[in-house]
């Protein structure tokens, strides 16, 4: 997977360079783009029940995949602009979450860590 992530990062960089778009890619603009594209994912689920959200029609699933791709591309670009290693950031966050959500308190519960007994 790390190789595929590196390939994606290189492909995104090449795409941006070919179009001379780096000038528009401030962290602010990229962060806004992540949020905008994430909202476009949510739009596909807006009126679905939780159960319906698992059973997307193929065409809708393809549109959701397209929006997920947009989010990932913007995250890859934002990480590169800020010189943040995506895998390191995610690994560190997962370690933090393991501490905040220990199995004995969090298993099977959708409770925020500050509300644990």
C-alpha atoms as a PDB file:
ATOM      1  CA  UNK A   1       0.000   0.000   0.000  1.00  0.00           C
ATOM      2  CA  UNK A   2       2.839   2.419   0.788  1.00  0.00           C
ATOM      3  CA  UNK A   3       4.094   2.020  -2.772  1.00  0.00           C
ATOM      4  CA  UNK A   4       0.634   2.793  -4.134  1.00  0.00           C
ATOM      5  CA  UNK A   5       0.381   5.868  -1.917  1.00  0.00           C
ATOM      6  CA  UNK A   6       3.764   7.100  -3.142  1.00  0.00           C
ATOM      7  CA  UNK A   7       2.647   6.526  -6.739  1.00  0.00           C
ATOM      8  CA  UNK A   8      -0.532   8.499  -6.075  1.00  0.00           C
ATOM      9  CA  UNK A   9       1.426  11.336  -4.478  1.00  0.00           C
ATOM     10  CA  UNK A  10       3.729  11.501  -7.503  1.00  0.00           C
ATOM     11  CA  UNK A  11       0.776  11.397  -9.913  1.00  0.00           C
ATOM     12  CA  UNK A  12      -0.972  14.237  -8.072  1.00  0.00           C
ATOM     13  CA  UNK A  13       2.209  16.306  -8.087  1.00  0.00           C
ATOM     14  CA  UNK A  14       2.665  15.740 -11.822  1.00  0.00           C
ATOM     15  CA  UNK A  15      -0.964  16.635 -12.512  1.00  0.00           C
ATOM     16  CA  UNK A  16      -0.622  19.892 -10.560  1.00  0.00           C
ATOM     17  CA  UNK A  17       2.728  20.778 -12.142  1.00  0.00           C
ATOM     18  CA  UNK A  18       1.471  20.158 -15.686  1.00  0.00           C
ATOM     19  CA  UNK A  19      -1.315  22.675 -15.097  1.00  0.00           C
ATOM     20  CA  UNK A  20       0.722  25.196 -13.062  1.00  0.00           C
ATOM     21  CA  UNK A  21      -1.837  24.968 -10.261  1.00  0.00           C
ATOM     22  CA  UNK A  22       0.549  25.015  -7.276  1.00  0.00           C
ATOM     23  CA  UNK A  23       0.078  28.776  -7.145  1.00  0.00           C
ATOM     24  CA  UNK A  24      -3.547  28.185  -6.098  1.00  0.00           C
ATOM     25  CA  UNK A  25      -2.823  25.464  -3.558  1.00  0.00           C
ATOM     26  CA  UNK A  26      -2.409  27.293  -0.282  1.00  0.00           C
ATOM     27  CA  UNK A  27      -3.126  25.155   2.772  1.00  0.00           C
ATOM     28  CA  UNK A  28      -6.289  27.210   3.309  1.00  0.00           C
ATOM     29  CA  UNK A  29      -7.594  26.527  -0.192  1.00  0.00           C
ATOM     30  CA  UNK A  30      -6.726  22.844  -0.026  1.00  0.00           C
ATOM     31  CA  UNK A  31      -8.330  22.408   3.409  1.00  0.00           C
ATOM     32  CA  UNK A  32     -11.485  24.091   2.128  1.00  0.00           C
ATOM     33  CA  UNK A  33     -11.460  21.781  -0.887  1.00  0.00           C
ATOM     34  CA  UNK A  34     -11.231  18.709   1.372  1.00  0.00           C
ATOM     35  CA  UNK A  35     -14.281  19.898   3.298  1.00  0.00           C
ATOM     36  CA  UNK A  36     -16.231  20.762   0.164  1.00  0.00           C
ATOM     37  CA  UNK A  37     -15.571  17.384  -1.419  1.00  0.00           C
ATOM     38  CA  UNK A  38     -16.388  15.578   1.845  1.00  0.00           C
ATOM     39  CA  UNK A  39     -19.724  17.403   1.878  1.00  0.00           C
ATOM     40  CA  UNK A  40     -20.333  16.123  -1.647  1.00  0.00           C
ATOM     41  CA  UNK A  41     -19.925  12.569  -0.302  1.00  0.00           C
ATOM     42  CA  UNK A  42     -22.474  13.308   2.418  1.00  0.00           C
ATOM     43  CA  UNK A  43     -24.919  14.628  -0.147  1.00  0.00           C
ATOM     44  CA  UNK A  44     -25.296  11.132  -1.602  1.00  0.00           C
ATOM     45  CA  UNK A  45     -26.413   9.801   1.791  1.00  0.00           C
ATOM     46  CA  UNK A  46     -28.485  12.771   2.925  1.00  0.00           C
ATOM     47  CA  UNK A  47     -31.893  11.094   2.806  1.00  0.00           C
ATOM     48  CA  UNK A  48     -30.834   7.466   3.191  1.00  0.00           C
ATOM     49  CA  UNK A  49     -31.394   5.397   6.261  1.00  0.00           C
ATOM     50  CA  UNK A  50     -28.329   3.812   7.786  1.00  0.00           C
ATOM     51  CA  UNK A  51     -29.345   0.511   6.268  1.00  0.00           C
ATOM     52  CA  UNK A  52     -29.917   1.998   2.802  1.00  0.00           C
ATOM     53  CA  UNK A  53     -26.447   3.550   2.883  1.00  0.00           C
ATOM     54  CA  UNK A  54     -24.930   0.045   2.713  1.00  0.00           C
ATOM     55  CA  UNK A  55     -26.886  -0.918  -0.397  1.00  0.00           C
ATOM     56  CA  UNK A  56     -26.074   1.771  -2.936  1.00  0.00           C
ATOM     57  CA  UNK A  57     -27.078   1.241  -6.540  1.00  0.00           C
ATOM     58  CA  UNK A  58     -23.992   0.738  -8.734  1.00  0.00           C
ATOM     59  CA  UNK A  59     -24.304   4.161 -10.369  1.00  0.00           C
ATOM     60  CA  UNK A  60     -24.597   5.944  -7.007  1.00  0.00           C
ATOM     61  CA  UNK A  61     -21.717   3.886  -5.596  1.00  0.00           C
ATOM     62  CA  UNK A  62     -19.574   5.024  -8.546  1.00  0.00           C
ATOM     63  CA  UNK A  63     -20.452   8.668  -7.829  1.00  0.00           C
ATOM     64  CA  UNK A  64     -19.535   8.215  -4.156  1.00  0.00           C
ATOM     65  CA  UNK A  65     -16.236   6.609  -5.187  1.00  0.00           C
ATOM     66  CA  UNK A  66     -15.564   9.610  -7.422  1.00  0.00           C
ATOM     67  CA  UNK A  67     -16.073  12.017  -4.516  1.00  0.00           C
ATOM     68  CA  UNK A  68     -13.912   9.873  -2.219  1.00  0.00           C
ATOM     69  CA  UNK A  69     -11.202  10.121  -4.869  1.00  0.00           C
ATOM     70  CA  UNK A  70     -11.496  13.908  -4.819  1.00  0.00           C
ATOM     71  CA  UNK A  71     -11.121  13.992  -1.027  1.00  0.00           C
ATOM     72  CA  UNK A  72      -8.057  11.767  -1.134  1.00  0.00           C
ATOM     73  CA  UNK A  73      -6.428  13.804  -3.900  1.00  0.00           C
ATOM     74  CA  UNK A  74      -6.890  17.025  -1.946  1.00  0.00           C
ATOM     75  CA  UNK A  75      -5.588  15.379   1.254  1.00  0.00           C
ATOM     76  CA  UNK A  76      -2.535  14.088  -0.592  1.00  0.00           C
ATOM     77  CA  UNK A  77      -1.881  17.547  -1.971  1.00  0.00           C
ATOM     78  CA  UNK A  78      -2.450  19.278   1.390  1.00  0.00           C
ATOM     79  CA  UNK A  79      -0.064  16.880   3.101  1.00  0.00           C
ATOM     80  CA  UNK A  80       2.590  17.526   0.457  1.00  0.00           C
ATOM     81  CA  UNK A  81       2.205  21.314   0.702  1.00  0.00           C
ATOM     82  CA  UNK A  82       2.551  21.151   4.497  1.00  0.00           C
ATOM     83  CA  UNK A  83       5.285  18.489   4.371  1.00  0.00           C
ATOM     84  CA  UNK A  84       3.230  16.047   6.435  1.00  0.00           C
ATOM     85  CA  UNK A  85       3.686  12.336   5.913  1.00  0.00           C
ATOM     86  CA  UNK A  86       0.159  10.965   5.527  1.00  0.00           C
ATOM     87  CA  UNK A  87       0.950   7.505   6.827  1.00  0.00           C
ATOM     88  CA  UNK A  88       2.858   8.879   9.822  1.00  0.00           C
ATOM     89  CA  UNK A  89       0.013  11.283  10.604  1.00  0.00           C
ATOM     90  CA  UNK A  90      -2.615   8.546  10.403  1.00  0.00           C
ATOM     91  CA  UNK A  91      -0.480   6.121  12.430  1.00  0.00           C
ATOM     92  CA  UNK A  92       0.067   8.727  15.161  1.00  0.00           C
ATOM     93  CA  UNK A  93      -3.636   9.568  15.237  1.00  0.00           C
ATOM     94  CA  UNK A  94      -4.567   5.900  15.487  1.00  0.00           C
ATOM     95  CA  UNK A  95      -2.204   5.555  18.467  1.00  0.00           C
ATOM     96  CA  UNK A  96      -3.850   8.571  20.125  1.00  0.00           C
ATOM     97  CA  UNK A  97      -7.282   7.080  19.493  1.00  0.00           C
ATOM     98  CA  UNK A  98      -6.187   3.756  21.024  1.00  0.00           C
ATOM     99  CA  UNK A  99      -5.394   5.649  24.224  1.00  0.00           C
ATOM    100  CA  UNK A 100      -8.594   7.699  24.169  1.00  0.00           C
ATOM    101  CA  UNK A 101     -10.770   4.713  23.310  1.00  0.00           C
ATOM    102  CA  UNK A 102      -9.470   1.687  25.228  1.00  0.00           C
ATOM    103  CA  UNK A 103     -11.207  -1.538  24.243  1.00  0.00           C
ATOM    104  CA  UNK A 104     -12.593  -2.148  27.722  1.00  0.00           C
ATOM    105  CA  UNK A 105     -14.452   1.194  27.658  1.00  0.00           C
ATOM    106  CA  UNK A 106     -15.207   1.661  23.972  1.00  0.00           C
ATOM    107  CA  UNK A 107     -16.042  -1.779  22.590  1.00  0.00           C
ATOM    108  CA  UNK A 108     -19.530  -1.768  21.092  1.00  0.00           C
ATOM    109  CA  UNK A 109     -20.225   1.811  22.209  1.00  0.00           C
ATOM    110  CA  UNK A 110     -20.589   4.996  20.169  1.00  0.00           C
ATOM    111  CA  UNK A 111     -19.653   7.184  23.122  1.00  0.00           C
ATOM    112  CA  UNK A 112     -17.162  10.019  22.983  1.00  0.00           C
ATOM    113  CA  UNK A 113     -14.135   9.365  25.195  1.00  0.00           C
ATOM    114  CA  UNK A 114     -14.910  12.320  27.486  1.00  0.00           C
ATOM    115  CA  UNK A 115     -18.213  10.620  28.366  1.00  0.00           C
ATOM    116  CA  UNK A 116     -16.773   7.291  29.474  1.00  0.00           C
ATOM    117  CA  UNK A 117     -17.697   6.320  33.038  1.00  0.00           C
END
